[in-house]
Amino acid sequence: MVACTAHWHNYTAQWSRRTGHMAVDFSGKVYVMAGAVGSTYNNEVWVSVDGSTWTQEPTPPWSARTEARAVTYDGSVFIAGGRGVGSVGTSVASSLFGRFTSASVTNGYLNDVWKSANPSTAGM
């Protein structure tokens, strides 16, 4: 822990500096997902139970992105959209833990939705 002031604690995370990432609280853990490190987008998933120690999870099947949104609902984590790398294209994906839409990339914007009841596995 670096500092504590009143009700805030400041920790240095093991993941690299980033912007445009997602963060959710799910099943007693905090997940930090995706984002951009400089001009490089990623699809990393990091998890912590205390905010001090972080572990990188296996690479998920969804593409690298920034500016996406994540929510928890009905026992699952959902991630949606964002800005991806690439031009116009379409892919269809399937998952051990659920179904999700086909992913389209147009001018870098994504319109895919991913769902997982267990985001701590690469099968998201």
C-alpha atoms as a PDB file:
ATOM      1  CA  MET A   1       0.000   0.000   0.000  1.00  0.00           C
ATOM      2  CA  VAL A   2       1.410   3.384  -0.969  1.00  0.00           C
ATOM      3  CA  ALA A   3      -0.815   5.785   0.957  1.00  0.00           C
ATOM      4  CA  CYS A   4      -3.991   5.979   3.017  1.00  0.00           C
ATOM      5  CA  THR A   5      -5.950   9.188   3.446  1.00  0.00           C
ATOM      6  CA  ALA A   6      -9.211   9.163   5.377  1.00  0.00           C
ATOM      7  CA  HIS A   7     -11.253   6.466   3.598  1.00  0.00           C
ATOM      8  CA  TRP A   8      -9.120   5.927   0.479  1.00  0.00           C
ATOM      9  CA  HIS A   9      -6.219   3.491   0.060  1.00  0.00           C
ATOM     10  CA  ASN A  10      -3.751   3.790  -2.807  1.00  0.00           C
ATOM     11  CA  TYR A  11      -2.205   0.604  -4.258  1.00  0.00           C
ATOM     12  CA  THR A  12       0.183   0.040  -7.148  1.00  0.00           C
ATOM     13  CA  ALA A  13      -1.325  -2.598  -9.443  1.00  0.00           C
ATOM     14  CA  GLN A  14       0.732  -5.229 -11.278  1.00  0.00           C
ATOM     15  CA  TRP A  15      -0.935  -4.396 -14.613  1.00  0.00           C
ATOM     16  CA  SER A  16       0.468  -1.705 -16.885  1.00  0.00           C
ATOM     17  CA  ARG A  17      -0.887   1.842 -17.047  1.00  0.00           C
ATOM     18  CA  ARG A  18      -3.941   1.992 -19.270  1.00  0.00           C
ATOM     19  CA  THR A  19      -6.977   3.968 -20.330  1.00  0.00           C
ATOM     20  CA  GLY A  20     -10.416   3.021 -21.618  1.00  0.00           C
ATOM     21  CA  HIS A  21     -10.564  -0.190 -19.575  1.00  0.00           C
ATOM     22  CA  MET A  22     -13.528  -1.863 -17.866  1.00  0.00           C
ATOM     23  CA  ALA A  23     -13.823  -2.715 -14.171  1.00  0.00           C
ATOM     24  CA  VAL A  24     -16.512  -4.733 -12.398  1.00  0.00           C
ATOM     25  CA  ASP A  25     -17.120  -6.317  -9.014  1.00  0.00           C
ATOM     26  CA  PHE A  26     -18.209  -9.942  -9.435  1.00  0.00           C
ATOM     27  CA  SER A  27     -18.376 -12.832  -6.950  1.00  0.00           C
ATOM     28  CA  GLY A  28     -16.262 -11.007  -4.376  1.00  0.00           C
ATOM     29  CA  LYS A  29     -13.519 -10.131  -6.862  1.00  0.00           C
ATOM     30  CA  VAL A  30     -12.641  -7.011  -8.843  1.00  0.00           C
ATOM     31  CA  TYR A  31     -11.951  -7.513 -12.552  1.00  0.00           C
ATOM     32  CA  VAL A  32     -10.045  -5.020 -14.712  1.00  0.00           C
ATOM     33  CA  MET A  33     -10.407  -5.858 -18.399  1.00  0.00           C
ATOM     34  CA  ALA A  34      -9.033  -4.622 -21.720  1.00  0.00           C
ATOM     35  CA  GLY A  35      -8.114  -1.000 -22.405  1.00  0.00           C
ATOM     36  CA  ALA A  36      -5.295   0.741 -24.208  1.00  0.00           C
ATOM     37  CA  VAL A  37      -1.653   1.086 -23.290  1.00  0.00           C
ATOM     38  CA  GLY A  38      -0.587   4.005 -25.435  1.00  0.00           C
ATOM     39  CA  SER A  39      -1.881   3.200 -28.910  1.00  0.00           C
ATOM     40  CA  THR A  40      -1.937  -0.581 -28.286  1.00  0.00           C
ATOM     41  CA  TYR A  41      -5.309  -2.139 -27.406  1.00  0.00           C
ATOM     42  CA  ASN A  42      -5.433  -5.298 -25.313  1.00  0.00           C
ATOM     43  CA  ASN A  43      -7.863  -7.929 -24.049  1.00  0.00           C
ATOM     44  CA  GLU A  44      -6.145  -8.631 -20.752  1.00  0.00           C
ATOM     45  CA  VAL A  45      -8.171  -9.690 -17.730  1.00  0.00           C
ATOM     46  CA  TRP A  46      -6.779  -8.981 -14.260  1.00  0.00           C
ATOM     47  CA  VAL A  47      -8.465 -10.054 -11.007  1.00  0.00           C
ATOM     48  CA  SER A  48      -8.019  -9.123  -7.342  1.00  0.00           C
ATOM     49  CA  VAL A  49      -9.732  -9.990  -4.094  1.00  0.00           C
ATOM     50  CA  ASP A  50      -8.207  -7.088  -2.147  1.00  0.00           C
ATOM     51  CA  GLY A  51      -7.108  -4.400  -4.633  1.00  0.00           C
ATOM     52  CA  SER A  52      -3.489  -4.868  -3.612  1.00  0.00           C
ATOM     53  CA  THR A  53      -2.536  -8.137  -5.340  1.00  0.00           C
ATOM     54  CA  TRP A  54      -3.582  -8.697  -8.973  1.00  0.00           C
ATOM     55  CA  THR A  55      -3.372 -11.859 -11.086  1.00  0.00           C
ATOM     56  CA  GLN A  56      -3.560 -11.942 -14.865  1.00  0.00           C
ATOM     57  CA  GLU A  57      -6.154 -14.428 -16.088  1.00  0.00           C
ATOM     58  CA  PRO A  58      -5.876 -16.547 -19.270  1.00  0.00           C
ATOM     59  CA  THR A  59      -6.531 -14.664 -22.506  1.00  0.00           C
ATOM     60  CA  PRO A  60     -10.284 -14.434 -23.220  1.00  0.00           C
ATOM     61  CA  PRO A  61     -11.733 -15.153 -26.682  1.00  0.00           C
ATOM     62  CA  TRP A  62     -12.941 -11.575 -27.260  1.00  0.00           C
ATOM     63  CA  SER A  63     -10.800  -9.176 -29.236  1.00  0.00           C
ATOM     64  CA  ALA A  64      -8.610  -6.374 -27.888  1.00  0.00           C
ATOM     65  CA  ARG A  65     -10.612  -3.199 -27.225  1.00  0.00           C
ATOM     66  CA  THR A  66     -10.881   0.076 -25.406  1.00  0.00           C
ATOM     67  CA  GLU A  67     -13.877   2.188 -24.349  1.00  0.00           C
ATOM     68  CA  ALA A  68     -16.104  -0.905 -23.924  1.00  0.00           C
ATOM     69  CA  ARG A  69     -18.608  -1.278 -21.087  1.00  0.00           C
ATOM     70  CA  ALA A  70     -18.962  -4.060 -18.541  1.00  0.00           C
ATOM     71  CA  VAL A  71     -21.847  -4.840 -16.191  1.00  0.00           C
ATOM     72  CA  THR A  72     -22.841  -7.668 -13.906  1.00  0.00           C
ATOM     73  CA  TYR A  73     -26.353  -9.025 -14.180  1.00  0.00           C
ATOM     74  CA  ASP A  74     -28.109 -12.199 -13.065  1.00  0.00           C
ATOM     75  CA  GLY A  75     -24.936 -14.069 -12.092  1.00  0.00           C
ATOM     76  CA  SER A  76     -22.889 -13.154 -15.169  1.00  0.00           C
ATOM     77  CA  VAL A  77     -20.470 -10.538 -16.449  1.00  0.00           C
ATOM     78  CA  PHE A  78     -21.366  -8.876 -19.738  1.00  0.00           C
ATOM     79  CA  ILE A  79     -19.002  -6.819 -21.859  1.00  0.00           C
ATOM     80  CA  ALA A  80     -20.270  -4.839 -24.816  1.00  0.00           C
ATOM     81  CA  GLY A  81     -18.896  -2.866 -27.705  1.00  0.00           C
ATOM     82  CA  GLY A  82     -16.023  -0.484 -27.516  1.00  0.00           C
ATOM     83  CA  ARG A  83     -13.395   0.408 -30.038  1.00  0.00           C
ATOM     84  CA  GLY A  84     -11.393  -2.401 -31.603  1.00  0.00           C
ATOM     85  CA  VAL A  85      -8.437  -2.669 -33.901  1.00  0.00           C
ATOM     86  CA  GLY A  86      -9.145  -3.170 -37.581  1.00  0.00           C
ATOM     87  CA  SER A  87     -11.534  -2.202 -40.304  1.00  0.00           C
ATOM     88  CA  VAL A  88     -14.811  -3.648 -41.540  1.00  0.00           C
ATOM     89  CA  GLY A  89     -15.233  -7.344 -40.774  1.00  0.00           C
ATOM     90  CA  THR A  90     -17.485  -9.858 -39.084  1.00  0.00           C
ATOM     91  CA  SER A  91     -16.792 -12.835 -36.898  1.00  0.00           C
ATOM     92  CA  VAL A  92     -19.031 -15.228 -35.025  1.00  0.00           C
ATOM     93  CA  ALA A  93     -17.892 -16.725 -31.747  1.00  0.00           C
ATOM     94  CA  SER A  94     -19.206 -19.308 -29.298  1.00  0.00           C
ATOM     95  CA  SER A  95     -18.409 -19.957 -25.670  1.00  0.00           C
ATOM     96  CA  LEU A  96     -18.421 -22.760 -23.169  1.00  0.00           C
ATOM     97  CA  PHE A  97     -20.312 -20.461 -20.788  1.00  0.00           C
ATOM     98  CA  GLY A  98     -22.937 -18.926 -23.024  1.00  0.00           C
ATOM     99  CA  ARG A  99     -24.014 -17.497 -26.332  1.00  0.00           C
ATOM    100  CA  PHE A 100     -23.288 -14.084 -27.654  1.00  0.00           C
ATOM    101  CA  THR A 101     -23.824 -12.046 -30.785  1.00  0.00           C
ATOM    102  CA  SER A 102     -21.686 -11.949 -33.877  1.00  0.00           C
ATOM    103  CA  ALA A 103     -19.029  -9.276 -33.690  1.00  0.00           C
ATOM    104  CA  SER A 104     -18.825  -6.574 -36.323  1.00  0.00           C
ATOM    105  CA  VAL A 105     -16.085  -4.007 -36.575  1.00  0.00           C
ATOM    106  CA  THR A 106     -16.869  -0.865 -38.569  1.00  0.00           C
ATOM    107  CA  ASN A 107     -14.453   2.045 -38.442  1.00  0.00           C
ATOM    108  CA  GLY A 108     -12.986   0.516 -35.305  1.00  0.00           C
ATOM    109  CA  TYR A 109     -16.282   0.408 -33.360  1.00  0.00           C
ATOM    110  CA  LEU A 110     -17.522  -2.981 -32.102  1.00  0.00           C
ATOM    111  CA  ASN A 111     -21.119  -4.094 -31.615  1.00  0.00           C
ATOM    112  CA  ASP A 112     -20.490  -7.423 -29.919  1.00  0.00           C
ATOM    113  CA  VAL A 113     -21.732  -8.644 -26.535  1.00  0.00           C
ATOM    114  CA  TRP A 114     -19.923 -11.267 -24.455  1.00  0.00           C
ATOM    115  CA  LYS A 115     -21.337 -13.046 -21.404  1.00  0.00           C
ATOM    116  CA  SER A 116     -19.667 -15.242 -18.795  1.00  0.00           C
ATOM    117  CA  ALA A 117     -20.706 -16.787 -15.520  1.00  0.00           C
ATOM    118  CA  ASN A 118     -16.994 -17.457 -14.857  1.00  0.00           C
ATOM    119  CA  PRO A 119     -14.745 -14.693 -16.237  1.00  0.00           C
ATOM    120  CA  SER A 120     -11.737 -16.205 -14.436  1.00  0.00           C
ATOM    121  CA  THR A 121     -11.294 -18.716 -17.253  1.00  0.00           C
ATOM    122  CA  ALA A 122     -10.169 -18.222 -20.835  1.00  0.00           C
ATOM    123  CA  GLY A 123     -13.510 -19.664 -21.989  1.00  0.00           C
ATOM    124  CA  MET A 124     -15.362 -16.470 -21.074  1.00  0.00           C
END
